[in-house]
């Protein structure tokens, strides 16, 4: 199955059992249960079986996501992932851990998790790379609040992801648009399945 519109260069890491791209370019998938991107920290056995729809990227890039989420299970999560390989990646987005958090996990062999409380499951955030530096920021009223900065160079693949480490899974619907060279905006809705889902 091939993508439509701006999804043309994207490919799955761990293809979901059910997914589709409609004629308008909306990508919908069902997050697999008991899935995660995580490596070793906290005594948790590493996992690399989350759903991610990524495109290759070399050099500078910028991704912005506007995410609306309604999660039910502990550690349900959705956002953006920047992935060099299964041992080196960064993911950012909304995650449930007792409450809702804007969560960033940086992984180089082992996972390093940071988080800050989110008022609700709706957030706009951006991940961008300049030279060898990758940054993550929350967007509020057009201003960016920097929450993470690290060295992360070399070829990567970038795009939306979802995981349900403890839950039964949920639906994600996304659209993408190109805003400049190596610049994309992704809108996503994630959470409890609604009518006409891909489940």
Protein backbone atom coordinates (compact mmCIF):
# COMPACT_ATOMS: atom_id res chain seq x y z
CA UNK A 1 0.00 0.00 0.00
CA UNK A 2 1.44 3.39 -0.93
CA UNK A 3 0.91 6.73 0.72
CA UNK A 4 -0.98 9.64 -0.83
CA UNK A 5 0.10 13.26 -1.27
CA UNK A 6 2.75 14.37 1.19
CA UNK A 7 3.01 10.83 2.62
CA UNK A 8 4.73 9.56 -0.54
CA UNK A 9 8.23 9.17 0.95
CA UNK A 10 7.07 7.80 4.29
CA UNK A 11 7.34 4.11 5.25
CA UNK A 12 6.39 2.09 8.31
CA UNK A 13 8.60 0.96 11.13
CA UNK A 14 6.46 -1.95 12.39
CA UNK A 15 3.47 -1.74 10.04
CA UNK A 16 0.16 -1.80 11.93
CA UNK A 17 -2.29 -4.63 11.30
CA UNK A 18 -4.85 -2.06 10.06
CA UNK A 19 -4.12 1.26 8.37
CA UNK A 20 -5.24 3.32 5.42
CA UNK A 21 -4.63 6.59 3.59
CA UNK A 22 -7.81 8.05 2.14
CA UNK A 23 -8.19 10.12 -1.03
CA UNK A 24 -7.76 13.34 0.97
CA UNK A 25 -4.41 12.16 2.35
CA UNK A 26 -5.61 11.34 5.88
CA UNK A 27 -3.57 8.51 7.38
CA UNK A 28 -5.42 6.39 9.97
CA UNK A 29 -4.03 3.44 11.89
CA UNK A 30 -4.81 1.28 14.90
CA UNK A 31 -2.03 1.29 17.49
CA UNK A 32 -1.08 -2.25 18.41
CA UNK A 33 -1.56 -3.29 22.06
CA UNK A 34 1.43 -3.87 24.36
CA UNK A 35 3.74 -1.85 22.08
CA UNK A 36 6.52 0.59 22.89
CA UNK A 37 9.73 2.31 21.88
CA UNK A 38 11.97 2.01 24.96
CA UNK A 39 15.38 0.61 25.86
CA UNK A 40 16.37 -0.95 29.16
CA UNK A 41 16.15 1.94 31.68
CA UNK A 42 14.33 1.25 34.95
CA UNK A 43 14.73 -2.49 34.62
CA UNK A 44 12.22 -2.55 31.76
CA UNK A 45 13.14 -4.91 28.95
CA UNK A 46 13.74 -2.93 25.77
CA UNK A 47 10.95 -2.73 23.20
CA UNK A 48 11.04 -1.57 19.57
CA UNK A 49 7.57 -2.53 18.35
CA UNK A 50 5.62 0.74 18.39
CA UNK A 51 4.00 2.11 15.23
CA UNK A 52 5.89 4.83 13.33
CA UNK A 53 5.41 6.26 9.82
CA UNK A 54 8.71 7.88 8.86
CA UNK A 55 10.55 9.51 5.97
CA UNK A 56 14.33 9.74 5.56
CA UNK A 57 16.00 13.06 6.26
CA UNK A 58 19.60 14.26 6.00
CA UNK A 59 20.71 17.63 7.32
CA UNK A 60 18.50 20.34 8.79
CA UNK A 61 14.74 19.78 9.18
CA UNK A 62 11.72 20.97 11.11
CA UNK A 63 8.53 19.12 12.11
CA UNK A 64 5.60 20.67 13.93
CA UNK A 65 2.74 18.59 15.35
CA UNK A 66 -0.67 19.76 16.50
CA UNK A 67 -1.93 16.86 18.59
CA UNK A 68 -5.36 16.28 20.11
CA UNK A 69 -5.42 13.20 22.32
CA UNK A 70 -7.83 11.31 24.54
CA UNK A 71 -6.04 8.39 26.11
CA UNK A 72 -7.35 5.76 28.52
CA UNK A 73 -4.51 3.43 29.53
CA UNK A 74 -1.27 3.97 31.43
CA UNK A 75 1.59 4.98 29.08
CA UNK A 76 -0.65 5.47 26.02
CA UNK A 77 1.30 7.94 23.87
CA UNK A 78 1.50 9.66 20.50
CA UNK A 79 3.82 12.21 18.97
CA UNK A 80 6.88 12.56 16.73
CA UNK A 81 9.93 10.32 16.58
CA UNK A 82 13.40 11.05 15.17
CA UNK A 83 15.07 7.71 14.52
CA UNK A 84 18.58 6.78 13.42
CA UNK A 85 18.09 3.08 14.23
CA UNK A 86 16.59 0.85 16.91
CA UNK A 87 19.16 1.96 19.49
CA UNK A 88 19.35 5.69 18.74
CA UNK A 89 16.23 7.85 18.59
CA UNK A 90 14.19 10.60 20.23
CA UNK A 91 10.42 10.69 20.70
CA UNK A 92 8.26 13.57 21.94
CA UNK A 93 4.54 13.95 22.53
CA UNK A 94 1.72 13.40 25.01
CA UNK A 95 1.91 10.38 27.33
CA UNK A 96 -0.20 9.13 30.24
CA UNK A 97 1.61 8.42 33.51
CA UNK A 98 -0.96 8.87 36.24
CA UNK A 99 -1.77 12.20 34.57
CA UNK A 100 -1.01 13.76 31.20
CA UNK A 101 2.54 14.77 30.40
CA UNK A 102 4.46 16.32 27.56
CA UNK A 103 7.10 13.63 27.36
CA UNK A 104 10.52 13.48 25.69
CA UNK A 105 12.56 10.27 25.58
CA UNK A 106 16.12 10.42 24.27
CA UNK A 107 17.68 7.03 23.58
CA UNK A 108 21.30 6.14 22.88
CA UNK A 109 21.44 2.44 23.86
CA UNK A 110 19.41 3.31 27.01
CA UNK A 111 16.36 5.56 27.36
CA UNK A 112 16.45 8.90 29.22
CA UNK A 113 12.92 10.16 30.01
CA UNK A 114 11.96 13.73 30.85
CA UNK A 115 8.44 15.11 31.18
CA UNK A 116 6.42 18.13 32.21
CA UNK A 117 2.78 18.31 33.21
CA UNK A 118 0.26 18.98 30.41
CA UNK A 119 -3.00 20.78 31.16
CA UNK A 120 -4.86 18.53 28.75
CA UNK A 121 -4.20 16.17 25.87
CA UNK A 122 -3.90 18.96 23.29
CA UNK A 123 -0.50 20.38 22.42
CA UNK A 124 1.41 22.04 19.61
CA UNK A 125 5.13 21.30 19.58
CA UNK A 126 8.06 21.34 17.22
CA UNK A 127 11.22 19.29 16.73
CA UNK A 128 13.98 20.79 14.60
CA UNK A 129 17.61 20.16 13.75
CA UNK A 130 20.24 22.74 12.87
CA UNK A 131 23.70 21.37 12.01
CA UNK A 132 24.31 18.68 14.68
CA UNK A 133 21.84 20.01 17.26
CA UNK A 134 18.31 18.68 17.73
CA UNK A 135 15.80 20.74 19.72
CA UNK A 136 12.28 20.14 21.04
CA UNK A 137 9.96 23.01 21.93
CA UNK A 138 6.33 23.57 22.94
CA UNK A 139 4.54 26.21 20.86
CA UNK A 140 2.28 28.65 22.76
CA UNK A 141 0.73 31.65 21.01
CA UNK A 142 3.35 31.42 18.28
CA UNK A 143 6.30 31.38 20.72
CA UNK A 144 8.51 28.33 21.28
CA UNK A 145 9.42 27.19 24.79
CA UNK A 146 12.57 25.06 24.50
CA UNK A 147 12.31 21.84 26.51
CA UNK A 148 15.20 19.72 25.19
CA UNK A 149 18.46 20.31 23.29
CA UNK A 150 20.98 17.63 22.35
CA UNK A 151 23.55 16.56 19.78
CA UNK A 152 21.90 14.29 17.20
CA UNK A 153 23.49 14.32 13.76
CA UNK A 154 23.65 12.00 10.76
CA UNK A 155 20.89 10.43 8.63
CA UNK A 156 17.57 9.90 10.40
CA UNK A 157 13.94 9.09 9.65
CA UNK A 158 11.23 11.37 11.02
CA UNK A 159 7.44 11.30 11.45
CA UNK A 160 4.49 10.41 13.69
CA UNK A 161 4.44 7.46 16.08
CA UNK A 162 2.19 5.83 18.67
CA UNK A 163 2.53 3.19 21.40
CA UNK A 164 0.26 1.46 23.90
CA UNK A 165 2.63 -0.28 26.36
CA UNK A 166 -0.07 -1.29 28.86
CA UNK A 167 -3.29 -0.77 26.94
CA UNK A 168 -5.41 -2.38 24.25
CA UNK A 169 -4.43 0.19 21.62
CA UNK A 170 -6.20 3.21 20.12
CA UNK A 171 -6.79 4.94 16.81
CA UNK A 172 -4.59 7.67 15.32
CA UNK A 173 -5.60 9.92 12.42
CA UNK A 174 -3.04 12.29 10.91
CA UNK A 175 -2.61 14.70 8.03
CA UNK A 176 0.60 16.27 6.80
CA UNK A 177 1.56 19.31 4.78
CA UNK A 178 4.90 20.59 3.52
CA UNK A 179 5.69 24.12 4.73
CA UNK A 180 9.19 24.46 3.22
CA UNK A 181 12.24 22.43 2.27
CA UNK A 182 12.55 19.65 4.88
CA UNK A 183 9.75 21.33 6.86
CA UNK A 184 6.43 19.65 7.66
CA UNK A 185 3.35 20.23 9.76
CA UNK A 186 1.46 17.20 11.03
CA UNK A 187 -1.99 17.30 12.61
CA UNK A 188 -2.98 14.29 14.68
CA UNK A 189 -5.92 12.99 16.66
CA UNK A 190 -5.22 10.04 18.93
CA UNK A 191 -7.24 8.12 21.47
CA UNK A 192 -10.42 6.16 21.96
CA UNK A 193 -11.72 4.66 18.71
CA UNK A 194 -14.75 6.37 17.18
CA UNK A 195 -17.25 5.38 14.52
CA UNK A 196 -15.83 4.00 11.29
CA UNK A 197 -12.35 3.30 12.65
CA UNK A 198 -9.84 0.95 11.07
CA UNK A 199 -10.16 -1.55 13.93
